[in-house]
Amino acid sequence: MKAEKNKIWIFIVLTFGLSWTMALVYWLVSGSPNPTSTSYFAITLIYMFTPMISALIVHKVILKQEVKNLGVNFKWNRWWTFAWLLPLIIVLATMGVGLLIPSVDFSPEMEGMFDRFEGFLSPEQMDEMRNMELPIHPFFLTLIQGLIAALTINAVAGFGEELGWRGFLHESLKRKGFWIMSLIVGVIWGIWHAPIIIMGHNYPENPITGVFMMIAFCILFSPVFALIREKSGSVIAASIFHGGINSLGGTAIMLLKGGNELLIGLTGLAGFIVLALVNIAIFIYERKNVIILYDN
């Protein structure tokens, strides 16, 4: 009974302990983490599975409850399709909002994207990227690949997080009401990212400011994930949505030149504006169906 009462804190301590310790060891061993390196990719991939591991330890091992109670099921409904396609709508809207920011221009030649990679790639790698021959424009190819990845490999990686956030925490906190639950999960989710943000993830030029930006980003995104989780009835649909955001997120800045990481892209001001509008839409159109469902 004591474990049941303290299960959220046990989960948080386990999740943060595993992930932050791993990030610290990597930081000390690597010296200066490079966000484009293979080792960095590997460590962030493993990092994503720490919420799942912690949820399984608390829910299955300590509390001895069924994993299916965390929303693990494959019963399809229209919200699965919504979860798959919504990331595409969000990134395109974010690109559109980004174009409204002063000093940001549309660049079909992707000069802005090349400029961002110059700090991480060698001149040879940059030349190879610029001269790469593709059957269609890289933007559209990335969209196609991203939609496929959202249903496959990225959904698996997304599940590593979602079983913790929209599985364990969602079920543990939903009696507090939709918006309070979403806020708490968003704050925990955002703070959890701190070590990899400091290492250069998403905000390589502003790592400290980036920590707070990421917390705000997760708070804004949390209600969207919660809606998908509840309406679909499955954490798998939330994993597909997560996978789509990760695979398609970069397209929001591919065709933009100018601005900076705090202004454009999903994790910048442009993305925040889009997510704020999505939250308003959720409040207007779903408050009776969702919030009443969560109220005591």
Protein backbone atom coordinates (compact mmCIF):
# COMPACT_ATOMS: atom_id res chain seq x y z
CA MET A 1 0.00 0.00 0.00
CA LYS A 2 2.87 2.37 0.75
CA ALA A 3 4.33 1.65 -2.69
CA GLU A 4 0.94 2.37 -4.27
CA LYS A 5 0.75 5.71 -2.48
CA ASN A 6 4.26 6.72 -3.49
CA LYS A 7 4.31 5.11 -6.94
CA ILE A 8 4.63 8.40 -8.84
CA TRP A 9 7.66 9.48 -6.81
CA ILE A 10 9.22 6.04 -7.17
CA PHE A 11 8.74 6.26 -10.93
CA ILE A 12 10.26 9.76 -11.09
CA VAL A 13 13.29 8.79 -9.01
CA LEU A 14 13.90 5.68 -11.12
CA THR A 15 13.42 7.46 -14.45
CA PHE A 16 15.59 10.45 -13.61
CA GLY A 17 18.16 8.33 -11.82
CA LEU A 18 18.64 5.99 -14.77
CA SER A 19 18.60 8.60 -17.52
CA TRP A 20 20.52 11.40 -15.82
CA THR A 21 23.22 9.04 -14.56
CA MET A 22 23.63 7.62 -18.05
CA ALA A 23 23.85 11.13 -19.53
CA LEU A 24 26.42 12.20 -16.93
CA VAL A 25 28.62 9.17 -17.60
CA TYR A 26 28.43 9.82 -21.34
CA TRP A 27 29.31 13.48 -20.82
CA LEU A 28 32.35 12.60 -18.70
CA VAL A 29 33.56 9.91 -21.10
CA SER A 30 32.99 11.81 -24.34
CA GLY A 31 34.32 15.13 -23.06
CA SER A 32 32.49 17.26 -25.60
CA PRO A 33 29.34 15.55 -26.94
CA ASN A 34 28.65 16.03 -30.65
CA PRO A 35 24.89 15.89 -31.41
CA THR A 36 25.63 14.46 -34.88
CA SER A 37 27.89 11.62 -33.67
CA THR A 38 26.91 7.95 -33.66
CA SER A 39 27.62 7.64 -29.94
CA TYR A 40 25.32 10.58 -29.17
CA PHE A 41 22.56 9.03 -31.27
CA ALA A 42 23.00 5.73 -29.43
CA ILE A 43 22.91 7.29 -25.97
CA THR A 44 19.81 9.37 -26.73
CA LEU A 45 18.07 6.31 -28.14
CA ILE A 46 18.75 4.36 -24.94
CA TYR A 47 17.77 7.46 -22.93
CA MET A 48 14.30 7.31 -24.52
CA PHE A 49 13.62 3.88 -23.02
CA THR A 50 14.25 4.82 -19.38
CA PRO A 51 10.61 5.90 -18.75
CA MET A 52 9.42 2.53 -20.08
CA ILE A 53 11.90 0.61 -17.92
CA SER A 54 10.89 2.58 -14.83
CA ALA A 55 7.18 2.14 -15.53
CA LEU A 56 7.60 -1.62 -15.87
CA ILE A 57 9.61 -1.82 -12.64
CA VAL A 58 7.03 0.13 -10.64
CA HIS A 59 3.86 -1.20 -12.25
CA LYS A 60 4.77 -4.81 -12.92
CA VAL A 61 7.54 -5.69 -10.45
CA ILE A 62 6.66 -3.57 -7.40
CA LEU A 63 2.88 -3.22 -7.70
CA LYS A 64 2.42 -6.53 -9.56
CA GLN A 65 -0.21 -5.14 -11.93
CA GLU A 66 -0.94 -5.97 -15.56
CA VAL A 67 0.92 -3.94 -18.18
CA LYS A 68 -2.23 -3.75 -20.30
CA ASN A 69 -3.68 -1.46 -17.62
CA LEU A 70 -1.25 1.20 -18.87
CA GLY A 71 -3.07 1.36 -22.19
CA VAL A 72 -1.09 -1.23 -24.12
CA ASN A 73 -3.53 -2.45 -26.76
CA PHE A 74 -3.78 -2.49 -30.54
CA LYS A 75 -7.50 -1.90 -30.98
CA TRP A 76 -7.63 0.57 -33.87
CA ASN A 77 -9.99 3.52 -34.17
CA ARG A 78 -9.94 6.76 -36.17
CA TRP A 79 -7.76 8.45 -33.55
CA TRP A 80 -4.86 6.23 -34.60
CA THR A 81 -5.03 7.79 -38.06
CA PHE A 82 -5.30 11.20 -36.44
CA ALA A 83 -2.20 10.44 -34.35
CA TRP A 84 -0.32 9.45 -37.50
CA LEU A 85 -1.24 12.49 -39.63
CA LEU A 86 -1.38 15.27 -37.03
CA PRO A 87 2.43 15.65 -36.84
CA LEU A 88 2.44 16.46 -40.56
CA ILE A 89 -0.16 19.18 -40.06
CA ILE A 90 1.69 20.60 -37.06
CA VAL A 91 5.09 20.81 -38.79
CA LEU A 92 3.63 22.41 -41.92
CA ALA A 93 1.76 24.95 -39.79
CA THR A 94 4.96 25.63 -37.84
CA MET A 95 6.85 26.28 -41.05
CA GLY A 96 4.10 28.70 -42.11
CA VAL A 97 4.25 30.58 -38.81
CA GLY A 98 8.05 30.65 -39.05
CA LEU A 99 7.78 32.49 -42.36
CA LEU A 100 5.90 35.28 -40.57
CA ILE A 101 8.89 36.00 -38.33
CA PRO A 102 11.01 38.98 -39.48
CA SER A 103 14.32 38.02 -41.16
CA VAL A 104 13.05 34.51 -41.97
CA ASP A 105 12.78 33.70 -45.68
CA PHE A 106 11.56 30.79 -47.77
CA SER A 107 14.52 28.87 -49.23
CA PRO A 108 13.64 25.91 -51.50
CA GLU A 109 17.41 25.44 -52.02
CA MET A 110 17.62 24.68 -48.26
CA GLU A 111 20.46 27.15 -47.70
CA GLY A 112 19.32 27.73 -44.15
CA MET A 113 19.49 24.02 -43.36
CA PHE A 114 22.98 23.76 -44.84
CA ASP A 115 24.10 26.74 -42.75
CA ARG A 116 22.90 25.00 -39.58
CA PHE A 117 24.87 21.84 -40.36
CA GLU A 118 28.16 23.64 -41.07
CA GLY A 119 29.06 23.69 -37.40
CA PHE A 120 28.76 19.91 -37.09
CA LEU A 121 29.85 18.44 -40.43
CA SER A 122 33.18 18.51 -42.27
CA PRO A 123 33.55 20.39 -45.59
CA GLU A 124 33.58 17.03 -47.40
CA GLN A 125 30.34 15.97 -45.73
CA MET A 126 28.77 19.33 -46.54
CA ASP A 127 29.73 18.99 -50.22
CA GLU A 128 28.32 15.48 -50.29
CA MET A 129 25.06 16.69 -48.79
CA ARG A 130 24.75 19.60 -51.21
CA ASN A 131 25.49 17.48 -54.28
CA MET A 132 23.37 14.47 -53.36
CA GLU A 133 21.10 13.36 -56.21
CA LEU A 134 17.60 12.37 -55.16
CA PRO A 135 14.52 11.37 -57.20
CA ILE A 136 12.42 14.10 -55.56
CA HIS A 137 13.09 17.20 -53.48
CA PRO A 138 14.57 16.28 -50.05
CA PHE A 139 11.68 18.03 -48.30
CA PHE A 140 9.06 15.74 -49.83
CA LEU A 141 11.29 12.69 -49.45
CA THR A 142 11.67 13.49 -45.75
CA LEU A 143 7.91 13.80 -45.36
CA ILE A 144 7.36 10.37 -46.94
CA GLN A 145 10.11 8.73 -44.93
CA GLY A 146 8.89 10.44 -41.77
CA LEU A 147 5.34 9.15 -42.16
CA ILE A 148 6.65 5.62 -42.67
CA ALA A 149 9.03 5.89 -39.71
CA ALA A 150 6.19 7.16 -37.51
CA LEU A 151 4.41 3.83 -37.92
CA THR A 152 7.51 1.68 -37.56
CA ILE A 153 10.92 2.29 -35.98
CA ASN A 154 10.10 5.72 -34.53
CA ALA A 155 6.92 4.38 -32.96
CA VAL A 156 9.01 1.75 -31.18
CA ALA A 157 11.38 4.43 -29.88
CA GLY A 158 8.42 6.62 -28.96
CA PHE A 159 6.93 3.73 -26.98
CA GLY A 160 10.05 3.82 -24.82
CA GLU A 161 8.90 7.20 -23.54
CA GLU A 162 5.15 6.89 -23.88
CA LEU A 163 4.69 3.84 -21.65
CA GLY A 164 6.06 6.08 -18.90
CA TRP A 165 4.43 9.42 -19.72
CA ARG A 166 1.09 8.54 -21.33
CA GLY A 167 0.97 5.09 -19.80
CA PHE A 168 2.03 5.11 -16.15
CA LEU A 169 1.82 8.83 -15.31
CA HIS A 170 -1.35 9.31 -17.36
CA GLU A 171 -3.16 6.55 -15.49
CA SER A 172 -1.77 7.64 -12.13
CA LEU A 173 -2.74 11.30 -12.47
CA LYS A 174 -5.88 11.40 -14.62
CA ARG A 175 -8.20 11.77 -11.62
CA LYS A 176 -6.76 15.25 -11.13
CA GLY A 177 -8.50 16.37 -14.31
CA PHE A 178 -7.35 16.66 -17.91
CA TRP A 179 -5.51 19.98 -17.74
CA ILE A 180 -3.85 19.51 -14.34
CA MET A 181 -2.76 16.01 -15.31
CA SER A 182 -1.39 17.31 -18.62
CA LEU A 183 0.50 20.11 -16.85
CA ILE A 184 2.14 17.79 -14.32
CA VAL A 185 3.14 15.24 -16.96
CA GLY A 186 4.43 18.04 -19.20
CA VAL A 187 6.63 19.51 -16.46
CA ILE A 188 8.11 16.12 -15.54
CA TRP A 189 8.61 15.23 -19.20
CA GLY A 190 10.29 18.56 -19.91
CA ILE A 191 12.67 18.49 -16.94
CA TRP A 192 13.64 14.91 -17.85
CA HIS A 193 15.13 16.26 -21.11
CA ALA A 194 17.52 18.63 -19.30
CA PRO A 195 20.79 16.63 -19.59
CA ILE A 196 20.51 16.02 -23.34
CA ILE A 197 19.44 19.63 -23.93
CA ILE A 198 22.54 20.83 -22.08
CA MET A 199 24.60 18.51 -24.32
CA GLY A 200 23.26 20.32 -27.39
CA HIS A 201 20.04 18.55 -28.32
CA ASN A 202 17.55 20.87 -30.09
CA TYR A 203 19.24 24.04 -28.79
CA PRO A 204 22.99 23.66 -29.47
CA GLU A 205 23.59 27.43 -29.38
CA ASN A 206 21.43 28.07 -26.31
CA PRO A 207 21.70 24.99 -24.06
CA ILE A 208 20.72 26.68 -20.78
CA THR A 209 17.85 28.69 -22.24
CA GLY A 210 16.98 25.53 -24.13
CA VAL A 211 16.26 23.65 -20.90
CA PHE A 212 13.46 26.09 -20.07
CA MET A 213 12.28 26.20 -23.68
CA MET A 214 12.01 22.41 -23.67
CA ILE A 215 9.95 22.44 -20.49
CA ALA A 216 7.57 24.95 -22.06
CA PHE A 217 7.46 22.85 -25.24
CA CYS A 218 6.52 19.71 -23.32
CA ILE A 219 3.86 21.55 -21.31
CA LEU A 220 2.27 22.80 -24.52
CA PHE A 221 2.47 19.40 -26.19
CA SER A 222 1.26 17.37 -23.21
CA PRO A 223 -2.50 18.01 -23.69
CA VAL A 224 -2.25 16.92 -27.33
CA PHE A 225 -0.63 13.64 -26.33
CA ALA A 226 -3.16 13.18 -23.51
CA LEU A 227 -6.07 13.70 -25.90
CA ILE A 228 -4.72 11.12 -28.34
CA ARG A 229 -3.99 8.68 -25.52
CA GLU A 230 -7.51 8.94 -24.12
CA LYS A 231 -9.47 9.07 -27.38
CA SER A 232 -7.54 6.21 -28.96
CA GLY A 233 -7.59 4.22 -25.73
CA SER A 234 -4.02 3.18 -26.36
CA VAL A 235 -0.50 4.27 -25.52
CA ILE A 236 0.51 2.76 -28.88
CA ALA A 237 -1.32 5.55 -30.73
CA ALA A 238 0.52 8.09 -28.56
CA SER A 239 3.76 6.33 -29.53
CA ILE A 240 2.91 6.71 -33.22
CA PHE A 241 2.24 10.40 -32.65
CA HIS A 242 5.54 10.74 -30.77
CA GLY A 243 7.34 8.90 -33.56
CA GLY A 244 5.84 11.22 -36.15
CA ILE A 245 6.86 14.34 -34.26
CA ASN A 246 10.42 13.05 -34.01
CA SER A 247 10.68 11.96 -37.65
CA LEU A 248 8.92 14.97 -39.20
CA GLY A 249 9.95 17.72 -36.79
CA GLY A 250 13.01 18.75 -38.78
CA THR A 251 10.96 19.49 -41.89
CA ALA A 252 9.56 22.59 -40.16
CA ILE A 253 12.90 24.35 -40.76
CA MET A 254 14.20 22.60 -43.91
CA LEU A 255 12.96 25.32 -46.24
CA LEU A 256 13.58 28.29 -43.95
CA LYS A 257 16.57 30.61 -43.97
CA GLY A 258 17.25 33.04 -41.14
CA GLY A 259 15.96 33.17 -37.61
CA ASN A 260 17.44 30.96 -34.91
CA GLU A 261 16.63 27.87 -32.87
CA LEU A 262 14.65 29.91 -30.33
CA LEU A 263 12.39 31.39 -33.01
CA ILE A 264 11.76 28.80 -35.72
CA GLY A 265 11.01 25.10 -35.73
CA LEU A 266 8.78 22.98 -33.51
CA THR A 267 10.82 23.72 -30.39
CA GLY A 268 11.02 27.45 -31.12
CA LEU A 269 8.54 30.30 -30.86
CA ALA A 270 6.84 29.31 -34.13
CA GLY A 271 6.10 25.84 -32.79
CA PHE A 272 4.89 27.25 -29.48
CA ILE A 273 2.37 29.45 -31.29
CA VAL A 274 1.03 26.49 -33.26
CA LEU A 275 0.79 24.32 -30.14
CA ALA A 276 -0.97 27.11 -28.24
CA LEU A 277 -3.58 27.23 -31.01
CA VAL A 278 -3.96 23.45 -30.89
CA ASN A 279 -4.53 23.68 -27.13
CA ILE A 280 -7.21 26.31 -27.65
CA ALA A 281 -8.88 24.00 -30.17
CA ILE A 282 -8.78 21.13 -27.65
CA PHE A 283 -10.33 23.35 -24.99
CA ILE A 284 -13.12 24.55 -27.27
CA TYR A 285 -14.08 21.34 -29.05
CA GLU A 286 -13.24 18.63 -26.53
CA ARG A 287 -13.79 20.06 -23.06
CA LYS A 288 -17.08 18.22 -22.44
CA ASN A 289 -15.88 14.90 -23.86
CA VAL A 290 -12.44 14.93 -22.25
CA ILE A 291 -12.34 17.08 -19.15
CA ILE A 292 -15.58 15.72 -17.66
CA LEU A 293 -14.21 12.24 -18.26
CA TYR A 294 -11.22 13.06 -16.05
CA ASP A 295 -13.02 15.01 -13.32
CA ASN A 296 -13.71 13.33 -9.99
